[in-house]
Amino acid sequence: TENDSLNAIPMLFGHLLTNTAQIFADVRTYWSPAAVERV
């Protein structure tokens, strides 16, 4: 996605090492236990 070539490289590594499909994702949000309980 978004032509992120620097994420395509580890996707390619993972595919060739495991023979499986790869998930591309934003590392979007850290939810702390306290924040989850508050919300």
ModelCIF file with pLDDT and N, C-alpha, C, O atoms, coordinates in Angstrom:
data_MODEL
#
_entry.id   MODEL 
#
_entity.id                         1 
_entity.type                       polymer 
_entity.pdbx_number_of_molecules   1 
#
_entity_poly.entity_id                      1 
_entity_poly.type                           'polypeptide(L)' 
_entity_poly.nstd_linkage                   no 
_entity_poly.nstd_monomer                   no 
_entity_poly.pdbx_seq_one_letter_code       TENDSLNAIPMLFGHLLTNTAQIFADVRTYWSPAAVERV 
_entity_poly.pdbx_seq_one_letter_code_can   TENDSLNAIPMLFGHLLTNTAQIFADVRTYWSPAAVERV 
_entity_poly.pdbx_strand_id                 A 
#
loop_
_entity_poly_seq.entity_id 
_entity_poly_seq.num 
_entity_poly_seq.mon_id 
_entity_poly_seq.hetero 
1 1  THR n 
1 2  GLU n 
1 3  ASN n 
1 4  ASP n 
1 5  SER n 
1 6  LEU n 
1 7  ASN n 
1 8  ALA n 
1 9  ILE n 
1 10 PRO n 
1 11 MET n 
1 12 LEU n 
1 13 PHE n 
1 14 GLY n 
1 15 HIS n 
1 16 LEU n 
1 17 LEU n 
1 18 THR n 
1 19 ASN n 
1 20 THR n 
1 21 ALA n 
1 22 GLN n 
1 23 ILE n 
1 24 PHE n 
1 25 ALA n 
1 26 ASP n 
1 27 VAL n 
1 28 ARG n 
1 29 THR n 
1 30 TYR n 
1 31 TRP n 
1 32 SER n 
1 33 PRO n 
1 34 ALA n 
1 35 ALA n 
1 36 VAL n 
1 37 GLU n 
1 38 ARG n 
1 39 VAL n 
#
_struct_asym.id          A 
_struct_asym.entity_id   1 
#
loop_
_ma_qa_metric.id 
_ma_qa_metric.mode 
_ma_qa_metric.name 
_ma_qa_metric.software_group_id 
_ma_qa_metric.type 
1 global pLDDT . pLDDT 
2 local  pLDDT . pLDDT 
#
_ma_qa_metric_global.metric_id      1 
_ma_qa_metric_global.metric_value   97.44 
_ma_qa_metric_global.model_id       1 
_ma_qa_metric_global.ordinal_id     1 
#
loop_
_ma_qa_metric_local.label_asym_id 
_ma_qa_metric_local.label_comp_id 
_ma_qa_metric_local.label_seq_id 
_ma_qa_metric_local.metric_id 
_ma_qa_metric_local.metric_value 
_ma_qa_metric_local.model_id 
_ma_qa_metric_local.ordinal_id 
A THR 1  2 97.00 1 1  
A GLU 2  2 97.00 1 2  
A ASN 3  2 97.00 1 3  
A ASP 4  2 97.00 1 4  
A SER 5  2 98.00 1 5  
A LEU 6  2 98.00 1 6  
A ASN 7  2 98.00 1 7  
A ALA 8  2 98.00 1 8  
A ILE 9  2 98.00 1 9  
A PRO 10 2 98.00 1 10 
A MET 11 2 98.00 1 11 
A LEU 12 2 98.00 1 12 
A PHE 13 2 98.00 1 13 
A GLY 14 2 98.00 1 14 
A HIS 15 2 98.00 1 15 
A LEU 16 2 98.00 1 16 
A LEU 17 2 98.00 1 17 
A THR 18 2 98.00 1 18 
A ASN 19 2 98.00 1 19 
A THR 20 2 98.00 1 20 
A ALA 21 2 98.00 1 21 
A GLN 22 2 98.00 1 22 
A ILE 23 2 98.00 1 23 
A PHE 24 2 97.00 1 24 
A ALA 25 2 97.00 1 25 
A ASP 26 2 96.00 1 26 
A VAL 27 2 96.00 1 27 
A ARG 28 2 95.00 1 28 
A THR 29 2 96.00 1 29 
A TYR 30 2 97.00 1 30 
A TRP 31 2 98.00 1 31 
A SER 32 2 97.00 1 32 
A PRO 33 2 97.00 1 33 
A ALA 34 2 97.00 1 34 
A ALA 35 2 98.00 1 35 
A VAL 36 2 98.00 1 36 
A GLU 37 2 97.00 1 37 
A ARG 38 2 97.00 1 38 
A VAL 39 2 97.00 1 39 
#
loop_
_atom_site.group_PDB 
_atom_site.id 
_atom_site.type_symbol 
_atom_site.label_atom_id 
_atom_site.label_alt_id 
_atom_site.label_comp_id 
_atom_site.label_asym_id 
_atom_site.label_entity_id 
_atom_site.label_seq_id 
_atom_site.pdbx_PDB_ins_code 
_atom_site.Cartn_x 
_atom_site.Cartn_y 
_atom_site.Cartn_z 
_atom_site.occupancy 
_atom_site.B_iso_or_equiv 
_atom_site.pdbx_formal_charge 
_atom_site.auth_seq_id 
_atom_site.auth_comp_id 
_atom_site.auth_asym_id 
_atom_site.auth_atom_id 
_atom_site.pdbx_PDB_model_num 
ATOM 1   N N  . THR A 1 1  ? 0.846   -1.190  0.000  1.00 97.00 ? 1  THR A N  1 
ATOM 2   C CA . THR A 1 1  ? 0.000   0.000   0.000  1.00 97.00 ? 1  THR A CA 1 
ATOM 3   C C  . THR A 1 1  ? 0.884   1.244   0.000  1.00 97.00 ? 1  THR A C  1 
ATOM 4   O O  . THR A 1 1  ? 1.970   1.253   0.579  1.00 97.00 ? 1  THR A O  1 
ATOM 5   N N  . GLU A 1 2  ? 0.394   2.296   -0.664 1.00 97.00 ? 2  GLU A N  1 
ATOM 6   C CA . GLU A 1 2  ? 1.078   3.595   -0.683 1.00 97.00 ? 2  GLU A CA 1 
ATOM 7   C C  . GLU A 1 2  ? 2.515   3.481   -1.191 1.00 97.00 ? 2  GLU A C  1 
ATOM 8   O O  . GLU A 1 2  ? 3.371   4.302   -0.862 1.00 97.00 ? 2  GLU A O  1 
ATOM 9   N N  . ASN A 1 3  ? 2.761   2.454   -1.994 1.00 97.00 ? 3  ASN A N  1 
ATOM 10  C CA . ASN A 1 3  ? 4.088   2.231   -2.576 1.00 97.00 ? 3  ASN A CA 1 
ATOM 11  C C  . ASN A 1 3  ? 5.179   2.265   -1.511 1.00 97.00 ? 3  ASN A C  1 
ATOM 12  O O  . ASN A 1 3  ? 6.290   2.731   -1.767 1.00 97.00 ? 3  ASN A O  1 
ATOM 13  N N  . ASP A 1 4  ? 4.860   1.771   -0.320 1.00 97.00 ? 4  ASP A N  1 
ATOM 14  C CA . ASP A 1 4  ? 5.855   1.760   0.755  1.00 97.00 ? 4  ASP A CA 1 
ATOM 15  C C  . ASP A 1 4  ? 6.853   0.635   0.481  1.00 97.00 ? 4  ASP A C  1 
ATOM 16  O O  . ASP A 1 4  ? 6.697   -0.490  0.955  1.00 97.00 ? 4  ASP A O  1 
ATOM 17  N N  . SER A 1 5  ? 7.860   0.967   -0.281 1.00 98.00 ? 5  SER A N  1 
ATOM 18  C CA . SER A 1 5  ? 8.845   -0.036  -0.691 1.00 98.00 ? 5  SER A CA 1 
ATOM 19  C C  . SER A 1 5  ? 9.603   -0.603  0.494  1.00 98.00 ? 5  SER A C  1 
ATOM 20  O O  . SER A 1 5  ? 10.030  -1.757  0.459  1.00 98.00 ? 5  SER A O  1 
ATOM 21  N N  . LEU A 1 6  ? 9.777   0.186   1.539  1.00 98.00 ? 6  LEU A N  1 
ATOM 22  C CA . LEU A 1 6  ? 10.505  -0.289  2.710  1.00 98.00 ? 6  LEU A CA 1 
ATOM 23  C C  . LEU A 1 6  ? 9.667   -1.240  3.557  1.00 98.00 ? 6  LEU A C  1 
ATOM 24  O O  . LEU A 1 6  ? 10.200  -1.917  4.437  1.00 98.00 ? 6  LEU A O  1 
ATOM 25  N N  . ASN A 1 7  ? 8.362   -1.300  3.303  1.00 98.00 ? 7  ASN A N  1 
ATOM 26  C CA . ASN A 1 7  ? 7.546   -2.331  3.934  1.00 98.00 ? 7  ASN A CA 1 
ATOM 27  C C  . ASN A 1 7  ? 7.362   -3.520  2.991  1.00 98.00 ? 7  ASN A C  1 
ATOM 28  O O  . ASN A 1 7  ? 7.136   -4.645  3.437  1.00 98.00 ? 7  ASN A O  1 
ATOM 29  N N  . ALA A 1 8  ? 7.459   -3.263  1.695  1.00 98.00 ? 8  ALA A N  1 
ATOM 30  C CA . ALA A 1 8  ? 7.392   -4.359  0.730  1.00 98.00 ? 8  ALA A CA 1 
ATOM 31  C C  . ALA A 1 8  ? 8.567   -5.316  0.918  1.00 98.00 ? 8  ALA A C  1 
ATOM 32  O O  . ALA A 1 8  ? 8.415   -6.521  0.716  1.00 98.00 ? 8  ALA A O  1 
ATOM 33  N N  . ILE A 1 9  ? 9.734   -4.799  1.302  1.00 98.00 ? 9  ILE A N  1 
ATOM 34  C CA . ILE A 1 9  ? 10.914  -5.656  1.452  1.00 98.00 ? 9  ILE A CA 1 
ATOM 35  C C  . ILE A 1 9  ? 10.708  -6.699  2.549  1.00 98.00 ? 9  ILE A C  1 
ATOM 36  O O  . ILE A 1 9  ? 10.905  -7.884  2.281  1.00 98.00 ? 9  ILE A O  1 
ATOM 37  N N  . PRO A 1 10 ? 10.321  -6.318  3.780  1.00 98.00 ? 10 PRO A N  1 
ATOM 38  C CA . PRO A 1 10 ? 10.076  -7.373  4.777  1.00 98.00 ? 10 PRO A CA 1 
ATOM 39  C C  . PRO A 1 10 ? 8.873   -8.250  4.440  1.00 98.00 ? 10 PRO A C  1 
ATOM 40  O O  . PRO A 1 10 ? 8.837   -9.413  4.840  1.00 98.00 ? 10 PRO A O  1 
ATOM 41  N N  . MET A 1 11 ? 7.880   -7.717  3.710  1.00 98.00 ? 11 MET A N  1 
ATOM 42  C CA . MET A 1 11 ? 6.796   -8.584  3.223  1.00 98.00 ? 11 MET A CA 1 
ATOM 43  C C  . MET A 1 11 ? 7.378   -9.669  2.313  1.00 98.00 ? 11 MET A C  1 
ATOM 44  O O  . MET A 1 11 ? 7.013   -10.840 2.417  1.00 98.00 ? 11 MET A O  1 
ATOM 45  N N  . LEU A 1 12 ? 8.280   -9.267  1.429  1.00 98.00 ? 12 LEU A N  1 
ATOM 46  C CA . LEU A 1 12 ? 8.919   -10.227 0.524  1.00 98.00 ? 12 LEU A CA 1 
ATOM 47  C C  . LEU A 1 12 ? 9.768   -11.222 1.301  1.00 98.00 ? 12 LEU A C  1 
ATOM 48  O O  . LEU A 1 12 ? 9.737   -12.420 1.020  1.00 98.00 ? 12 LEU A O  1 
ATOM 49  N N  . PHE A 1 13 ? 10.529  -10.730 2.282  1.00 98.00 ? 13 PHE A N  1 
ATOM 50  C CA . PHE A 1 13 ? 11.316  -11.638 3.130  1.00 98.00 ? 13 PHE A CA 1 
ATOM 51  C C  . PHE A 1 13 ? 10.404  -12.681 3.776  1.00 98.00 ? 13 PHE A C  1 
ATOM 52  O O  . PHE A 1 13 ? 10.671  -13.881 3.708  1.00 98.00 ? 13 PHE A O  1 
ATOM 53  N N  . GLY A 1 14 ? 9.318   -12.207 4.405  1.00 98.00 ? 14 GLY A N  1 
ATOM 54  C CA . GLY A 1 14 ? 8.427   -13.122 5.109  1.00 98.00 ? 14 GLY A CA 1 
ATOM 55  C C  . GLY A 1 14 ? 7.804   -14.148 4.180  1.00 98.00 ? 14 GLY A C  1 
ATOM 56  O O  . GLY A 1 14 ? 7.664   -15.317 4.539  1.00 98.00 ? 14 GLY A O  1 
ATOM 57  N N  . HIS A 1 15 ? 7.432   -13.711 2.992  1.00 98.00 ? 15 HIS A N  1 
ATOM 58  C CA . HIS A 1 15 ? 6.821   -14.638 2.029  1.00 98.00 ? 15 HIS A CA 1 
ATOM 59  C C  . HIS A 1 15 ? 7.804   -15.729 1.618  1.00 98.00 ? 15 HIS A C  1 
ATOM 60  O O  . HIS A 1 15 ? 7.445   -16.906 1.588  1.00 98.00 ? 15 HIS A O  1 
ATOM 61  N N  . LEU A 1 16 ? 9.030   -15.351 1.304  1.00 98.00 ? 16 LEU A N  1 
ATOM 62  C CA . LEU A 1 16 ? 10.008  -16.331 0.836  1.00 98.00 ? 16 LEU A CA 1 
ATOM 63  C C  . LEU A 1 16 ? 10.474  -17.261 1.955  1.00 98.00 ? 16 LEU A C  1 
ATOM 64  O O  . LEU A 1 16 ? 10.863  -18.398 1.690  1.00 98.00 ? 16 LEU A O  1 
ATOM 65  N N  . LEU A 1 17 ? 10.439  -16.794 3.190  1.00 98.00 ? 17 LEU A N  1 
ATOM 66  C CA . LEU A 1 17 ? 10.871  -17.630 4.317  1.00 98.00 ? 17 LEU A CA 1 
ATOM 67  C C  . LEU A 1 17 ? 9.785   -18.576 4.801  1.00 98.00 ? 17 LEU A C  1 
ATOM 68  O O  . LEU A 1 17 ? 10.088  -19.625 5.369  1.00 98.00 ? 17 LEU A O  1 
ATOM 69  N N  . THR A 1 18 ? 8.515   -18.219 4.583  1.00 98.00 ? 18 THR A N  1 
ATOM 70  C CA . THR A 1 18 ? 7.413   -19.034 5.111  1.00 98.00 ? 18 THR A CA 1 
ATOM 71  C C  . THR A 1 18 ? 6.511   -19.622 4.033  1.00 98.00 ? 18 THR A C  1 
ATOM 72  O O  . THR A 1 18 ? 5.716   -20.520 4.309  1.00 98.00 ? 18 THR A O  1 
ATOM 73  N N  . ASN A 1 19 ? 6.631   -19.121 2.804  1.00 98.00 ? 19 ASN A N  1 
ATOM 74  C CA . ASN A 1 19 ? 5.766   -19.528 1.680  1.00 98.00 ? 19 ASN A CA 1 
ATOM 75  C C  . ASN A 1 19 ? 4.318   -19.099 1.857  1.00 98.00 ? 19 ASN A C  1 
ATOM 76  O O  . ASN A 1 19 ? 3.437   -19.625 1.178  1.00 98.00 ? 19 ASN A O  1 
ATOM 77  N N  . THR A 1 20 ? 4.052   -18.152 2.756  1.00 98.00 ? 20 THR A N  1 
ATOM 78  C CA . THR A 1 20 ? 2.681   -17.736 3.046  1.00 98.00 ? 20 THR A CA 1 
ATOM 79  C C  . THR A 1 20 ? 2.439   -16.284 2.632  1.00 98.00 ? 20 THR A C  1 
ATOM 80  O O  . THR A 1 20 ? 3.376   -15.542 2.341  1.00 98.00 ? 20 THR A O  1 
ATOM 81  N N  . ALA A 1 21 ? 1.164   -15.897 2.614  1.00 98.00 ? 21 ALA A N  1 
ATOM 82  C CA . ALA A 1 21 ? 0.775   -14.513 2.337  1.00 98.00 ? 21 ALA A CA 1 
ATOM 83  C C  . ALA A 1 21 ? 1.187   -13.619 3.508  1.00 98.00 ? 21 ALA A C  1 
ATOM 84  O O  . ALA A 1 21 ? 1.415   -14.098 4.619  1.00 98.00 ? 21 ALA A O  1 
ATOM 85  N N  . GLN A 1 22 ? 1.279   -12.318 3.240  1.00 98.00 ? 22 GLN A N  1 
ATOM 86  C CA . GLN A 1 22 ? 1.739   -11.362 4.244  1.00 98.00 ? 22 GLN A CA 1 
ATOM 87  C C  . GLN A 1 22 ? 0.695   -10.273 4.478  1.00 98.00 ? 22 GLN A C  1 
ATOM 88  O O  . GLN A 1 22 ? 0.042   -9.808  3.544  1.00 98.00 ? 22 GLN A O  1 
ATOM 89  N N  . ILE A 1 23 ? 0.550   -9.878  5.740  1.00 98.00 ? 23 ILE A N  1 
ATOM 90  C CA . ILE A 1 23 ? -0.374  -8.798  6.103  1.00 98.00 ? 23 ILE A CA 1 
ATOM 91  C C  . ILE A 1 23 ? 0.376   -7.466  6.072  1.00 98.00 ? 23 ILE A C  1 
ATOM 92  O O  . ILE A 1 23 ? 1.429   -7.325  6.695  1.00 98.00 ? 23 ILE A O  1 
ATOM 93  N N  . PHE A 1 24 ? -0.169  -6.497  5.350  1.00 97.00 ? 24 PHE A N  1 
ATOM 94  C CA . PHE A 1 24 ? 0.330   -5.119  5.367  1.00 97.00 ? 24 PHE A CA 1 
ATOM 95  C C  . PHE A 1 24 ? -0.583  -4.320  6.291  1.00 97.00 ? 24 PHE A C  1 
ATOM 96  O O  . PHE A 1 24 ? -1.805  -4.360  6.149  1.00 97.00 ? 24 PHE A O  1 
ATOM 97  N N  . ALA A 1 25 ? 0.005   -3.600  7.228  1.00 97.00 ? 25 ALA A N  1 
ATOM 98  C CA . ALA A 1 25 ? -0.851  -2.856  8.159  1.00 97.00 ? 25 ALA A CA 1 
ATOM 99  C C  . ALA A 1 25 ? -0.160  -1.602  8.678  1.00 97.00 ? 25 ALA A C  1 
ATOM 100 O O  . ALA A 1 25 ? 1.066   -1.534  8.759  1.00 97.00 ? 25 ALA A O  1 
ATOM 101 N N  . ASP A 1 26 ? -0.972  -0.618  9.026  1.00 96.00 ? 26 ASP A N  1 
ATOM 102 C CA . ASP A 1 26 ? -0.502  0.484   9.863  1.00 96.00 ? 26 ASP A CA 1 
ATOM 103 C C  . ASP A 1 26 ? -0.249  -0.053  11.269 1.00 96.00 ? 26 ASP A C  1 
ATOM 104 O O  . ASP A 1 26 ? -1.042  -0.834  11.796 1.00 96.00 ? 26 ASP A O  1 
ATOM 105 N N  . VAL A 1 27 ? 0.849   0.366   11.865 1.00 96.00 ? 27 VAL A N  1 
ATOM 106 C CA . VAL A 1 27 ? 1.051   0.136   13.298 1.00 96.00 ? 27 VAL A CA 1 
ATOM 107 C C  . VAL A 1 27 ? 0.426   1.366   13.952 1.00 96.00 ? 27 VAL A C  1 
ATOM 108 O O  . VAL A 1 27 ? 1.091   2.362   14.233 1.00 96.00 ? 27 VAL A O  1 
ATOM 109 N N  . ARG A 1 28 ? -0.884  1.252   14.182 1.00 95.00 ? 28 ARG A N  1 
ATOM 110 C CA . ARG A 1 28 ? -1.696  2.468   14.296 1.00 95.00 ? 28 ARG A CA 1 
ATOM 111 C C  . ARG A 1 28 ? -1.860  3.011   15.705 1.00 95.00 ? 28 ARG A C  1 
ATOM 112 O O  . ARG A 1 28 ? -1.717  4.215   15.916 1.00 95.00 ? 28 ARG A O  1 
ATOM 113 N N  . THR A 1 29 ? -2.157  2.154   16.671 1.00 96.00 ? 29 THR A N  1 
ATOM 114 C CA . THR A 1 29 ? -2.478  2.659   18.013 1.00 96.00 ? 29 THR A CA 1 
ATOM 115 C C  . THR A 1 29 ? -2.028  1.676   19.077 1.00 96.00 ? 29 THR A C  1 
ATOM 116 O O  . THR A 1 29 ? -2.253  0.472   18.956 1.00 96.00 ? 29 THR A O  1 
ATOM 117 N N  . TYR A 1 30 ? -1.392  2.191   20.121 1.00 97.00 ? 30 TYR A N  1 
ATOM 118 C CA . TYR A 1 30 ? -1.159  1.399   21.336 1.00 97.00 ? 30 TYR A CA 1 
ATOM 119 C C  . TYR A 1 30 ? -2.284  1.707   22.317 1.00 97.00 ? 30 TYR A C  1 
ATOM 120 O O  . TYR A 1 30 ? -2.503  2.857   22.699 1.00 97.00 ? 30 TYR A O  1 
ATOM 121 N N  . TRP A 1 31 ? -2.990  0.652   22.713 1.00 98.00 ? 31 TRP A N  1 
ATOM 122 C CA . TRP A 1 31 ? -4.043  0.790   23.723 1.00 98.00 ? 31 TRP A CA 1 
ATOM 123 C C  . TRP A 1 31 ? -3.529  0.216   25.039 1.00 98.00 ? 31 TRP A C  1 
ATOM 124 O O  . TRP A 1 31 ? -3.351  -0.994  25.180 1.00 98.00 ? 31 TRP A O  1 
ATOM 125 N N  . SER A 1 32 ? -3.295  1.108   25.999 1.00 97.00 ? 32 SER A N  1 
ATOM 126 C CA . SER A 1 32 ? -2.877  0.662   27.323 1.00 97.00 ? 32 SER A CA 1 
ATOM 127 C C  . SER A 1 32 ? -4.070  0.069   28.062 1.00 97.00 ? 32 SER A C  1 
ATOM 128 O O  . SER A 1 32 ? -5.213  0.386   27.734 1.00 97.00 ? 32 SER A O  1 
ATOM 129 N N  . PRO A 1 33 ? -3.828  -0.784  29.053 1.00 97.00 ? 33 PRO A N  1 
ATOM 130 C CA . PRO A 1 33 ? -4.950  -1.308  29.853 1.00 97.00 ? 33 PRO A CA 1 
ATOM 131 C C  . PRO A 1 33 ? -5.787  -0.191  30.474 1.00 97.00 ? 33 PRO A C  1 
ATOM 132 O O  . PRO A 1 33 ? -7.012  -0.283  30.544 1.00 97.00 ? 33 PRO A O  1 
ATOM 133 N N  . ALA A 1 34 ? -5.104  0.866   30.922 1.00 97.00 ? 34 ALA A N  1 
ATOM 134 C CA . ALA A 1 34 ? -5.828  1.971   31.555 1.00 97.00 ? 34 ALA A CA 1 
ATOM 135 C C  . ALA A 1 34 ? -6.708  2.699   30.553 1.00 97.00 ? 34 ALA A C  1 
ATOM 136 O O  . ALA A 1 34 ? -7.841  3.065   30.864 1.00 97.00 ? 34 ALA A O  1 
ATOM 137 N N  . ALA A 1 35 ? -6.179  2.910   29.333 1.00 98.00 ? 35 ALA A N  1 
ATOM 138 C CA . ALA A 1 35 ? -6.951  3.620   28.316 1.00 98.00 ? 35 ALA A CA 1 
ATOM 139 C C  . ALA A 1 35 ? -8.157  2.795   27.884 1.00 98.00 ? 35 ALA A C  1 
ATOM 140 O O  . ALA A 1 35 ? -9.243  3.336   27.678 1.00 98.00 ? 35 ALA A O  1 
ATOM 141 N N  . VAL A 1 36 ? -7.965  1.490   27.746 1.00 98.00 ? 36 VAL A N  1 
ATOM 142 C CA . VAL A 1 36 ? -9.088  0.625   27.374 1.00 98.00 ? 36 VAL A CA 1 
ATOM 143 C C  . VAL A 1 36 ? -10.177 0.668   28.435 1.00 98.00 ? 36 VAL A C  1 
ATOM 144 O O  . VAL A 1 36 ? -11.363 0.754   28.115 1.00 98.00 ? 36 VAL A O  1 
ATOM 145 N N  . GLU A 1 37 ? -9.767  0.608   29.703 1.00 97.00 ? 37 GLU A N  1 
ATOM 146 C CA . GLU A 1 37 ? -10.759 0.630   30.783 1.00 97.00 ? 37 GLU A CA 1 
ATOM 147 C C  . GLU A 1 37 ? -11.476 1.971   30.835 1.00 97.00 ? 37 GLU A C  1 
ATOM 148 O O  . GLU A 1 37 ? -12.681 2.024   31.084 1.00 97.00 ? 37 GLU A O  1 
ATOM 149 N N  . ARG A 1 38 ? -10.734 3.065   30.599 1.00 97.00 ? 38 ARG A N  1 
ATOM 150 C CA . ARG A 1 38 ? -11.369 4.390   30.614 1.00 97.00 ? 38 ARG A CA 1 
ATOM 151 C C  . ARG A 1 38 ? -12.413 4.521   29.508 1.00 97.00 ? 38 ARG A C  1 
ATOM 152 O O  . ARG A 1 38 ? -13.487 5.084   29.720 1.00 97.00 ? 38 ARG A O  1 
ATOM 153 N N  . VAL A 1 39 ? -12.090 3.996   28.325 1.00 97.00 ? 39 VAL A N  1 
ATOM 154 C CA . VAL A 1 39 ? -12.961 4.186   27.158 1.00 97.00 ? 39 VAL A CA 1 
ATOM 155 C C  . VAL A 1 39 ? -14.125 3.201   27.146 1.00 97.00 ? 39 VAL A C  1 
ATOM 156 O O  . VAL A 1 39 ? -14.949 3.230   26.232 1.00 97.00 ? 39 VAL A O  1 
#
